[in-house]
C-alpha cells in the first residue's frame, strides 16, 4: 500500500511534462472554462491549469473553488500553474495521463 505522500510524488512526476490544458484569465471561472475543466479531468485525470489572475490570495481562492467544484485534489501549485487530479470512473487508456505513462 502506497502512502499519500508517495502517491502525490508519483502524480507530480507524471505531471512534470504536461502542458496546461486550461487557462483562467481575468474573467475567472466562467461556465465555459468550468465545462472545459470538467471534460479535461474526465478525459485525462491529471491536468495542469494556468491561472492568469491577480495576487496570491486570488489564486488560492480560485484553486480552492476549482478543487471543491470538481471534486479534484490539488497535487501541486507552483507560480501560476496548478496540477490537479481527479480519478475517472472509467478512464480511457488513450487519453488518461495516468495510464499512458
PDB file of N, CA and C in Angstrom:
ATOM      1  N   UNK A   1       0.843  -1.183   0.000  1.00  0.00           N
ATOM      2  CA  UNK A   1       0.000   0.000   0.000  1.00  0.00           C
ATOM      3  C   UNK A   1       0.888   1.246   0.000  1.00  0.00           C
ATOM      4  N   UNK A   2       0.631   2.150  -0.933  1.00  0.00           N
ATOM      5  CA  UNK A   2       1.437   3.360  -1.007  1.00  0.00           C
ATOM      6  C   UNK A   2       0.840   4.439  -0.118  1.00  0.00           C
ATOM      7  N   UNK A   3       1.698   5.256   0.402  1.00  0.00           N
ATOM      8  CA  UNK A   3       1.238   6.328   1.278  1.00  0.00           C
ATOM      9  C   UNK A   3       0.743   7.501   0.448  1.00  0.00           C
ATOM     10  N   UNK A   4       0.047   8.405   1.096  1.00  0.00           N
ATOM     11  CA  UNK A   4      -0.480   9.605   0.442  1.00  0.00           C
ATOM     12  C   UNK A   4       0.661  10.438  -0.138  1.00  0.00           C
ATOM     13  N   UNK A   5       1.745  10.573   0.608  1.00  0.00           N
ATOM     14  CA  UNK A   5       2.898  11.356   0.143  1.00  0.00           C
ATOM     15  C   UNK A   5       3.540  10.713  -1.079  1.00  0.00           C
ATOM     16  N   UNK A   6       3.652   9.401  -1.080  1.00  0.00           N
ATOM     17  CA  UNK A   6       4.240   8.689  -2.226  1.00  0.00           C
ATOM     18  C   UNK A   6       3.351   8.831  -3.458  1.00  0.00           C
ATOM     19  N   UNK A   7       2.038   8.795  -3.248  1.00  0.00           N
ATOM     20  CA  UNK A   7       1.110   8.951  -4.369  1.00  0.00           C
ATOM     21  C   UNK A   7       1.221  10.357  -4.957  1.00  0.00           C
ATOM     22  N   UNK A   8       1.299  11.372  -4.093  1.00  0.00           N
ATOM     23  CA  UNK A   8       1.444  12.750  -4.578  1.00  0.00           C
ATOM     24  C   UNK A   8       2.758  12.927  -5.337  1.00  0.00           C
ATOM     25  N   UNK A   9       3.808  12.314  -4.852  1.00  0.00           N
ATOM     26  CA  UNK A   9       5.102  12.405  -5.525  1.00  0.00           C
ATOM     27  C   UNK A   9       5.023  11.770  -6.911  1.00  0.00           C
ATOM     28  N   UNK A  10       4.356  10.626  -6.988  1.00  0.00           N
ATOM     29  CA  UNK A  10       4.173   9.940  -8.269  1.00  0.00           C
ATOM     30  C   UNK A  10       3.374  10.822  -9.240  1.00  0.00           C
ATOM     31  N   UNK A  11       2.291  11.447  -8.762  1.00  0.00           N
ATOM     32  CA  UNK A  11       1.475  12.318  -9.597  1.00  0.00           C
ATOM     33  C   UNK A  11       2.262  13.549 -10.052  1.00  0.00           C
ATOM     34  N   UNK A  12       3.085  14.103  -9.172  1.00  0.00           N
ATOM     35  CA  UNK A  12       3.917  15.259  -9.551  1.00  0.00           C
ATOM     36  C   UNK A  12       4.894  14.866 -10.653  1.00  0.00           C
ATOM     37  N   UNK A  13       5.457  13.672 -10.536  1.00  0.00           N
ATOM     38  CA  UNK A  13       6.396  13.184 -11.551  1.00  0.00           C
ATOM     39  C   UNK A  13       5.693  13.021 -12.900  1.00  0.00           C
ATOM     40  N   UNK A  14       4.485  12.463 -12.884  1.00  0.00           N
ATOM     41  CA  UNK A  14       3.719  12.284 -14.122  1.00  0.00           C
ATOM     42  C   UNK A  14       3.320  13.637 -14.715  1.00  0.00           C
ATOM     43  N   UNK A  15       3.024  14.596 -13.864  1.00  0.00           N
ATOM     44  CA  UNK A  15       2.567  15.900 -14.320  1.00  0.00           C
ATOM     45  C   UNK A  15       3.661  16.829 -14.774  1.00  0.00           C
ATOM     46  N   UNK A  16       4.910  16.473 -14.509  1.00  0.00           N
ATOM     47  CA  UNK A  16       6.036  17.358 -14.814  1.00  0.00           C
ATOM     48  C   UNK A  16       6.076  17.784 -16.277  1.00  0.00           C
ATOM     49  N   UNK A  17       5.869  16.874 -17.209  1.00  0.00           N
ATOM     50  CA  UNK A  17       5.974  17.180 -18.635  1.00  0.00           C
ATOM     51  C   UNK A  17       4.666  17.610 -19.282  1.00  0.00           C
ATOM     52  N   UNK A  18       3.593  17.700 -18.493  1.00  0.00           N
ATOM     53  CA  UNK A  18       2.306  18.110 -19.055  1.00  0.00           C
ATOM     54  C   UNK A  18       2.292  19.609 -19.325  1.00  0.00           C
ATOM     55  N   UNK A  19       1.535  19.999 -20.327  1.00  0.00           N
ATOM     56  CA  UNK A  19       1.312  21.403 -20.638  1.00  0.00           C
ATOM     57  C   UNK A  19      -0.055  21.797 -20.071  1.00  0.00           C
ATOM     58  N   UNK A  20      -0.230  23.060 -19.685  1.00  0.00           N
ATOM     59  CA  UNK A  20      -1.547  23.487 -19.189  1.00  0.00           C
ATOM     60  C   UNK A  20      -2.627  23.306 -20.256  1.00  0.00           C
ATOM     61  N   UNK A  21      -3.727  22.680 -19.864  1.00  0.00           N
ATOM     62  CA  UNK A  21      -4.844  22.428 -20.777  1.00  0.00           C
ATOM     63  C   UNK A  21      -5.812  23.607 -20.761  1.00  0.00           C
ATOM     64  N   UNK A  22      -5.985  24.210 -19.592  1.00  0.00           N
ATOM     65  CA  UNK A  22      -6.949  25.288 -19.418  1.00  0.00           C
ATOM     66  C   UNK A  22      -6.219  26.500 -18.862  1.00  0.00           C
ATOM     67  N   UNK A  23      -6.582  27.695 -19.353  1.00  0.00           N
ATOM     68  CA  UNK A  23      -6.066  28.938 -18.804  1.00  0.00           C
ATOM     69  C   UNK A  23      -7.236  29.741 -18.256  1.00  0.00           C
ATOM     70  N   UNK A  24      -7.104  30.183 -17.030  1.00  0.00           N
ATOM     71  CA  UNK A  24      -8.140  31.010 -16.414  1.00  0.00           C
ATOM     72  C   UNK A  24      -7.582  32.420 -16.305  1.00  0.00           C
ATOM     73  N   UNK A  25      -8.248  33.366 -16.972  1.00  0.00           N
ATOM     74  CA  UNK A  25      -7.775  34.751 -17.004  1.00  0.00           C
ATOM     75  C   UNK A  25      -8.656  35.625 -16.123  1.00  0.00           C
ATOM     76  N   UNK A  26      -8.713  36.894 -16.444  1.00  0.00           N
ATOM     77  CA  UNK A  26      -9.365  37.888 -15.593  1.00  0.00           C
ATOM     78  C   UNK A  26     -10.861  37.655 -15.370  1.00  0.00           C
ATOM     79  N   UNK A  27     -11.540  36.971 -16.296  1.00  0.00           N
ATOM     80  CA  UNK A  27     -12.974  36.717 -16.112  1.00  0.00           C
ATOM     81  C   UNK A  27     -13.233  35.644 -15.067  1.00  0.00           C
ATOM     82  N   UNK A  28     -12.209  34.925 -14.673  1.00  0.00           N
ATOM     83  CA  UNK A  28     -12.347  33.919 -13.630  1.00  0.00           C
ATOM     84  C   UNK A  28     -12.931  32.612 -14.137  1.00  0.00           C
ATOM     85  N   UNK A  29     -13.590  31.921 -13.258  1.00  0.00           N
ATOM     86  CA  UNK A  29     -14.131  30.590 -13.541  1.00  0.00           C
ATOM     87  C   UNK A  29     -15.505  30.727 -14.186  1.00  0.00           C
ATOM     88  N   UNK A  30     -15.537  30.930 -15.496  1.00  0.00           N
ATOM     89  CA  UNK A  30     -16.798  31.064 -16.222  1.00  0.00           C
ATOM     90  C   UNK A  30     -17.391  29.682 -16.481  1.00  0.00           C
ATOM     91  N   UNK A  31     -18.607  29.679 -17.005  1.00  0.00           N
ATOM     92  CA  UNK A  31     -19.283  28.413 -17.289  1.00  0.00           C
ATOM     93  C   UNK A  31     -18.515  27.594 -18.332  1.00  0.00           C
ATOM     94  N   UNK A  32     -18.014  28.262 -19.369  1.00  0.00           N
ATOM     95  CA  UNK A  32     -17.276  27.553 -20.425  1.00  0.00           C
ATOM     96  C   UNK A  32     -15.956  27.005 -19.907  1.00  0.00           C
ATOM     97  N   UNK A  33     -15.259  27.780 -19.103  1.00  0.00           N
ATOM     98  CA  UNK A  33     -13.998  27.315 -18.522  1.00  0.00           C
ATOM     99  C   UNK A  33     -14.266  26.127 -17.600  1.00  0.00           C
ATOM    100  N   UNK A  34     -15.329  26.219 -16.825  1.00  0.00           N
ATOM    101  CA  UNK A  34     -15.710  25.120 -15.933  1.00  0.00           C
ATOM    102  C   UNK A  34     -16.013  23.841 -16.696  1.00  0.00           C
ATOM    103  N   UNK A  35     -16.722  23.990 -17.822  1.00  0.00           N
ATOM    104  CA  UNK A  35     -17.044  22.817 -18.651  1.00  0.00           C
ATOM    105  C   UNK A  35     -15.769  22.196 -19.212  1.00  0.00           C
ATOM    106  N   UNK A  36     -14.817  23.023 -19.600  1.00  0.00           N
ATOM    107  CA  UNK A  36     -13.549  22.517 -20.139  1.00  0.00           C
ATOM    108  C   UNK A  36     -12.733  21.803 -19.058  1.00  0.00           C
ATOM    109  N   UNK A  37     -12.718  22.344 -17.845  1.00  0.00           N
ATOM    110  CA  UNK A  37     -12.011  21.695 -16.726  1.00  0.00           C
ATOM    111  C   UNK A  37     -12.642  20.333 -16.451  1.00  0.00           C
ATOM    112  N   UNK A  38     -13.967  20.308 -16.414  1.00  0.00           N
ATOM    113  CA  UNK A  38     -14.676  19.051 -16.143  1.00  0.00           C
ATOM    114  C   UNK A  38     -14.370  18.005 -17.211  1.00  0.00           C
ATOM    115  N   UNK A  39     -14.420  18.410 -18.483  1.00  0.00           N
ATOM    116  CA  UNK A  39     -14.114  17.489 -19.583  1.00  0.00           C
ATOM    117  C   UNK A  39     -12.675  16.998 -19.498  1.00  0.00           C
ATOM    118  N   UNK A  40     -11.752  17.920 -19.242  1.00  0.00           N
ATOM    119  CA  UNK A  40     -10.338  17.555 -19.172  1.00  0.00           C
ATOM    120  C   UNK A  40     -10.065  16.590 -18.019  1.00  0.00           C
ATOM    121  N   UNK A  41     -10.680  16.834 -16.874  1.00  0.00           N
ATOM    122  CA  UNK A  41     -10.491  15.928 -15.734  1.00  0.00           C
ATOM    123  C   UNK A  41     -11.050  14.538 -16.036  1.00  0.00           C
ATOM    124  N   UNK A  42     -12.205  14.485 -16.693  1.00  0.00           N
ATOM    125  CA  UNK A  42     -12.791  13.180 -17.033  1.00  0.00           C
ATOM    126  C   UNK A  42     -11.947  12.435 -18.056  1.00  0.00           C
ATOM    127  N   UNK A  43     -11.379  13.165 -19.014  1.00  0.00           N
ATOM    128  CA  UNK A  43     -10.572  12.523 -20.055  1.00  0.00           C
ATOM    129  C   UNK A  43      -9.167  12.179 -19.574  1.00  0.00           C
ATOM    130  N   UNK A  44      -8.523  13.124 -18.922  1.00  0.00           N
ATOM    131  CA  UNK A  44      -7.088  12.991 -18.630  1.00  0.00           C
ATOM    132  C   UNK A  44      -6.750  12.656 -17.177  1.00  0.00           C
ATOM    133  N   UNK A  45      -7.666  12.880 -16.260  1.00  0.00           N
ATOM    134  CA  UNK A  45      -7.500  12.619 -14.825  1.00  0.00           C
ATOM    135  C   UNK A  45      -6.496  13.552 -14.144  1.00  0.00           C
ATOM    136  N   UNK A  46      -5.357  13.770 -14.760  1.00  0.00           N
ATOM    137  CA  UNK A  46      -4.307  14.626 -14.191  1.00  0.00           C
ATOM    138  C   UNK A  46      -4.070  15.764 -15.182  1.00  0.00           C
ATOM    139  N   UNK A  47      -4.356  17.012 -14.762  1.00  0.00           N
ATOM    140  CA  UNK A  47      -4.230  18.135 -15.693  1.00  0.00           C
ATOM    141  C   UNK A  47      -3.531  19.322 -15.026  1.00  0.00           C
ATOM    142  N   UNK A  48      -2.992  20.179 -15.887  1.00  0.00           N
ATOM    143  CA  UNK A  48      -2.425  21.439 -15.430  1.00  0.00           C
ATOM    144  C   UNK A  48      -3.353  22.566 -15.854  1.00  0.00           C
ATOM    145  N   UNK A  49      -3.501  23.541 -14.966  1.00  0.00           N
ATOM    146  CA  UNK A  49      -4.308  24.724 -15.239  1.00  0.00           C
ATOM    147  C   UNK A  49      -3.433  25.942 -14.998  1.00  0.00           C
ATOM    148  N   UNK A  50      -3.456  26.877 -15.934  1.00  0.00           N
ATOM    149  CA  UNK A  50      -2.696  28.121 -15.779  1.00  0.00           C
ATOM    150  C   UNK A  50      -3.635  29.203 -15.277  1.00  0.00           C
ATOM    151  N   UNK A  51      -3.237  29.872 -14.210  1.00  0.00           N
ATOM    152  CA  UNK A  51      -4.031  30.950 -13.633  1.00  0.00           C
ATOM    153  C   UNK A  51      -3.374  32.284 -13.959  1.00  0.00           C
ATOM    154  N   UNK A  52      -4.076  33.112 -14.709  1.00  0.00           N
ATOM    155  CA  UNK A  52      -3.588  34.454 -15.007  1.00  0.00           C
ATOM    156  C   UNK A  52      -4.448  35.462 -14.264  1.00  0.00           C
ATOM    157  N   UNK A  53      -4.487  35.308 -12.962  1.00  0.00           N
ATOM    158  CA  UNK A  53      -5.271  36.213 -12.116  1.00  0.00           C
ATOM    159  C   UNK A  53      -4.325  36.964 -11.185  1.00  0.00           C
ATOM    160  N   UNK A  54      -4.876  37.892 -10.459  1.00  0.00           N
ATOM    161  CA  UNK A  54      -4.117  38.807  -9.615  1.00  0.00           C
ATOM    162  C   UNK A  54      -3.120  38.220  -8.646  1.00  0.00           C
ATOM    163  N   UNK A  55      -3.321  38.473  -7.401  1.00  0.00           N
ATOM    164  CA  UNK A  55      -2.342  38.155  -6.365  1.00  0.00           C
ATOM    165  C   UNK A  55      -2.463  36.715  -5.864  1.00  0.00           C
ATOM    166  N   UNK A  56      -1.630  36.396  -4.915  1.00  0.00           N
ATOM    167  CA  UNK A  56      -1.560  35.042  -4.360  1.00  0.00           C
ATOM    168  C   UNK A  56      -2.873  34.626  -3.699  1.00  0.00           C
ATOM    169  N   UNK A  57      -3.513  35.564  -3.011  1.00  0.00           N
ATOM    170  CA  UNK A  57      -4.777  35.248  -2.334  1.00  0.00           C
ATOM    171  C   UNK A  57      -5.865  34.900  -3.347  1.00  0.00           C
ATOM    172  N   UNK A  58      -5.917  35.627  -4.463  1.00  0.00           N
ATOM    173  CA  UNK A  58      -6.905  35.350  -5.512  1.00  0.00           C
ATOM    174  C   UNK A  58      -6.656  33.978  -6.122  1.00  0.00           C
ATOM    175  N   UNK A  59      -5.397  33.618  -6.323  1.00  0.00           N
ATOM    176  CA  UNK A  59      -5.049  32.299  -6.869  1.00  0.00           C
ATOM    177  C   UNK A  59      -5.468  31.192  -5.916  1.00  0.00           C
ATOM    178  N   UNK A  60      -5.219  31.398  -4.630  1.00  0.00           N
ATOM    179  CA  UNK A  60      -5.566  30.397  -3.619  1.00  0.00           C
ATOM    180  C   UNK A  60      -7.079  30.196  -3.581  1.00  0.00           C
ATOM    181  N   UNK A  61      -7.821  31.301  -3.634  1.00  0.00           N
ATOM    182  CA  UNK A  61      -9.280  31.241  -3.620  1.00  0.00           C
ATOM    183  C   UNK A  61      -9.808  30.498  -4.842  1.00  0.00           C
ATOM    184  N   UNK A  62      -9.255  30.813  -6.003  1.00  0.00           N
ATOM    185  CA  UNK A  62      -9.659  30.161  -7.249  1.00  0.00           C
ATOM    186  C   UNK A  62      -9.298  28.672  -7.228  1.00  0.00           C
ATOM    187  N   UNK A  63      -8.139  28.360  -6.715  1.00  0.00           N
ATOM    188  CA  UNK A  63      -7.699  26.964  -6.605  1.00  0.00           C
ATOM    189  C   UNK A  63      -8.661  26.171  -5.715  1.00  0.00           C
ATOM    190  N   UNK A  64      -9.019  26.745  -4.568  1.00  0.00           N
ATOM    191  CA  UNK A  64      -9.957  26.077  -3.660  1.00  0.00           C
ATOM    192  C   UNK A  64     -11.317  25.878  -4.325  1.00  0.00           C
ATOM    193  N   UNK A  65     -11.754  26.894  -5.078  1.00  0.00           N
ATOM    194  CA  UNK A  65     -13.048  26.813  -5.760  1.00  0.00           C
ATOM    195  C   UNK A  65     -13.046  25.710  -6.819  1.00  0.00           C
ATOM    196  N   UNK A  66     -11.963  25.610  -7.573  1.00  0.00           N
ATOM    197  CA  UNK A  66     -11.849  24.569  -8.607  1.00  0.00           C
ATOM    198  C   UNK A  66     -11.866  23.182  -7.977  1.00  0.00           C
ATOM    199  N   UNK A  67     -11.050  22.996  -6.950  1.00  0.00           N
ATOM    200  CA  UNK A  67     -10.960  21.672  -6.313  1.00  0.00           C
ATOM    201  C   UNK A  67     -12.294  21.260  -5.686  1.00  0.00           C
ATOM    202  N   UNK A  68     -12.991  22.216  -5.078  1.00  0.00           N
ATOM    203  CA  UNK A  68     -14.282  21.918  -4.469  1.00  0.00           C
ATOM    204  C   UNK A  68     -15.344  21.644  -5.524  1.00  0.00           C
ATOM    205  N   UNK A  69     -15.413  22.496  -6.527  1.00  0.00           N
ATOM    206  CA  UNK A  69     -16.452  22.381  -7.562  1.00  0.00           C
ATOM    207  C   UNK A  69     -16.354  21.086  -8.357  1.00  0.00           C
ATOM    208  N   UNK A  70     -15.137  20.615  -8.601  1.00  0.00           N
ATOM    209  CA  UNK A  70     -14.959  19.447  -9.464  1.00  0.00           C
ATOM    210  C   UNK A  70     -14.473  18.216  -8.712  1.00  0.00           C
ATOM    211  N   UNK A  71     -14.549  18.251  -7.387  1.00  0.00           N
ATOM    212  CA  UNK A  71     -14.120  17.130  -6.538  1.00  0.00           C
ATOM    213  C   UNK A  71     -12.718  16.671  -6.906  1.00  0.00           C
ATOM    214  N   UNK A  72     -11.864  17.636  -7.188  1.00  0.00           N
ATOM    215  CA  UNK A  72     -10.490  17.325  -7.584  1.00  0.00           C
ATOM    216  C   UNK A  72      -9.545  17.537  -6.407  1.00  0.00           C
ATOM    217  N   UNK A  73      -8.382  16.969  -6.534  1.00  0.00           N
ATOM    218  CA  UNK A  73      -7.361  17.059  -5.488  1.00  0.00           C
ATOM    219  C   UNK A  73      -6.191  17.877  -6.032  1.00  0.00           C
ATOM    220  N   UNK A  74      -5.783  18.883  -5.282  1.00  0.00           N
ATOM    221  CA  UNK A  74      -4.620  19.669  -5.674  1.00  0.00           C
ATOM    222  C   UNK A  74      -3.372  18.842  -5.422  1.00  0.00           C
ATOM    223  N   UNK A  75      -2.595  18.633  -6.465  1.00  0.00           N
ATOM    224  CA  UNK A  75      -1.353  17.872  -6.338  1.00  0.00           C
ATOM    225  C   UNK A  75      -0.193  18.829  -6.101  1.00  0.00           C
ATOM    226  N   UNK A  76      -0.186  19.933  -6.868  1.00  0.00           N
ATOM    227  CA  UNK A  76       0.931  20.866  -6.768  1.00  0.00           C
ATOM    228  C   UNK A  76       0.494  22.237  -7.287  1.00  0.00           C
ATOM    229  N   UNK A  77       1.039  23.274  -6.671  1.00  0.00           N
ATOM    230  CA  UNK A  77       0.802  24.640  -7.122  1.00  0.00           C
ATOM    231  C   UNK A  77       2.143  25.361  -7.125  1.00  0.00           C
ATOM    232  N   UNK A  78       2.611  25.705  -8.325  1.00  0.00           N
ATOM    233  CA  UNK A  78       3.880  26.430  -8.445  1.00  0.00           C
ATOM    234  C   UNK A  78       3.630  27.648  -9.321  1.00  0.00           C
ATOM    235  N   UNK A  79       3.859  28.815  -8.778  1.00  0.00           N
ATOM    236  CA  UNK A  79       3.657  30.042  -9.534  1.00  0.00           C
ATOM    237  C   UNK A  79       2.227  30.167 -10.009  1.00  0.00           C
ATOM    238  N   UNK A  80       2.049  30.231 -11.320  1.00  0.00           N
ATOM    239  CA  UNK A  80       0.718  30.387 -11.910  1.00  0.00           C
ATOM    240  C   UNK A  80       0.113  29.064 -12.355  1.00  0.00           C
ATOM    241  N   UNK A  81       0.772  27.955 -12.079  1.00  0.00           N
ATOM    242  CA  UNK A  81       0.327  26.647 -12.588  1.00  0.00           C
ATOM    243  C   UNK A  81      -0.177  25.751 -11.448  1.00  0.00           C
ATOM    244  N   UNK A  82      -1.370  25.179 -11.673  1.00  0.00           N
ATOM    245  CA  UNK A  82      -1.932  24.192 -10.751  1.00  0.00           C
ATOM    246  C   UNK A  82      -1.882  22.826 -11.423  1.00  0.00           C
ATOM    247  N   UNK A  83      -1.551  21.827 -10.652  1.00  0.00           N
ATOM    248  CA  UNK A  83      -1.622  20.439 -11.115  1.00  0.00           C
ATOM    249  C   UNK A  83      -2.704  19.785 -10.272  1.00  0.00           C
ATOM    250  N   UNK A  84      -3.804  19.372 -10.921  1.00  0.00           N
ATOM    251  CA  UNK A  84      -4.905  18.775 -10.172  1.00  0.00           C
ATOM    252  C   UNK A  84      -5.225  17.381 -10.702  1.00  0.00           C
ATOM    253  N   UNK A  85      -5.828  16.582  -9.838  1.00  0.00           N
ATOM    254  CA  UNK A  85      -6.110  15.180 -10.129  1.00  0.00           C
ATOM    255  C   UNK A  85      -7.531  14.838  -9.713  1.00  0.00           C
ATOM    256  N   UNK A  86      -8.189  14.071 -10.561  1.00  0.00           N
ATOM    257  CA  UNK A  86      -9.493  13.505 -10.210  1.00  0.00           C
ATOM    258  C   UNK A  86      -9.585  12.139 -10.870  1.00  0.00           C
ATOM    259  N   UNK A  87      -9.758  11.119 -10.074  1.00  0.00           N
ATOM    260  CA  UNK A  87      -9.859   9.748 -10.581  1.00  0.00           C
ATOM    261  C   UNK A  87     -11.126   9.604 -11.413  1.00  0.00           C
ATOM    262  N   UNK A  88     -10.976   9.070 -12.614  1.00  0.00           N
ATOM    263  CA  UNK A  88     -12.106   8.860 -13.510  1.00  0.00           C
ATOM    264  C   UNK A  88     -12.746   7.509 -13.215  1.00  0.00           C
ATOM    265  N   UNK A  89     -14.068   7.439 -13.401  1.00  0.00           N
ATOM    266  CA  UNK A  89     -14.775   6.174 -13.144  1.00  0.00           C
ATOM    267  C   UNK A  89     -14.367   5.095 -14.145  1.00  0.00           C
ATOM    268  N   UNK A  90     -14.266   5.464 -15.409  1.00  0.00           N
ATOM    269  CA  UNK A  90     -13.800   4.519 -16.427  1.00  0.00           C
ATOM    270  C   UNK A  90     -12.860   5.266 -17.375  1.00  0.00           C
ATOM    271  N   UNK A  91     -11.569   5.321 -17.004  1.00  0.00           N
ATOM    272  CA  UNK A  91     -10.596   6.086 -17.784  1.00  0.00           C
ATOM    273  C   UNK A  91     -10.330   5.486 -19.162  1.00  0.00           C
ATOM    274  N   UNK A  92     -10.117   6.361 -20.121  1.00  0.00           N
ATOM    275  CA  UNK A  92      -9.770   5.966 -21.483  1.00  0.00           C
ATOM    276  C   UNK A  92      -8.250   5.803 -21.545  1.00  0.00           C
ATOM    277  N   UNK A  93      -7.750   4.617 -21.853  1.00  0.00           N
ATOM    278  CA  UNK A  93      -6.296   4.391 -21.867  1.00  0.00           C
ATOM    279  C   UNK A  93      -5.550   5.285 -22.856  1.00  0.00           C
ATOM    280  N   UNK A  94      -6.233   5.769 -23.891  1.00  0.00           N
ATOM    281  CA  UNK A  94      -5.572   6.623 -24.878  1.00  0.00           C
ATOM    282  C   UNK A  94      -5.489   8.075 -24.419  1.00  0.00           C
ATOM    283  N   UNK A  95      -6.354   8.480 -23.481  1.00  0.00           N
ATOM    284  CA  UNK A  95      -6.390   9.869 -23.037  1.00  0.00           C
ATOM    285  C   UNK A  95      -5.835  10.082 -21.631  1.00  0.00           C
ATOM    286  N   UNK A  96      -6.006   9.116 -20.753  1.00  0.00           N
ATOM    287  CA  UNK A  96      -5.615   9.284 -19.362  1.00  0.00           C
ATOM    288  C   UNK A  96      -4.113   9.501 -19.213  1.00  0.00           C
ATOM    289  N   UNK A  97      -3.738  10.572 -18.525  1.00  0.00           N
ATOM    290  CA  UNK A  97      -2.316  10.840 -18.286  1.00  0.00           C
ATOM    291  C   UNK A  97      -1.718   9.834 -17.306  1.00  0.00           C
ATOM    292  N   UNK A  98      -2.552   9.119 -16.565  1.00  0.00           N
ATOM    293  CA  UNK A  98      -2.036   8.120 -15.641  1.00  0.00           C
ATOM    294  C   UNK A  98      -1.754   6.794 -16.354  1.00  0.00           C
ATOM    295  N   UNK A  99      -2.611   6.436 -17.291  1.00  0.00           N
ATOM    296  CA  UNK A  99      -2.468   5.146 -17.968  1.00  0.00           C
ATOM    297  C   UNK A  99      -1.500   5.199 -19.145  1.00  0.00           C
ATOM    298  N   UNK A 100      -1.296   6.378 -19.719  1.00  0.00           N
ATOM    299  CA  UNK A 100      -0.395   6.495 -20.874  1.00  0.00           C
ATOM    300  C   UNK A 100       1.070   6.498 -20.471  1.00  0.00           C
ATOM    301  N   UNK A 101       1.382   6.788 -19.231  1.00  0.00           N
ATOM    302  CA  UNK A 101       2.772   6.918 -18.784  1.00  0.00           C
ATOM    303  C   UNK A 101       3.415   5.561 -18.589  1.00  0.00           C
TER     304      UNK A 101
END
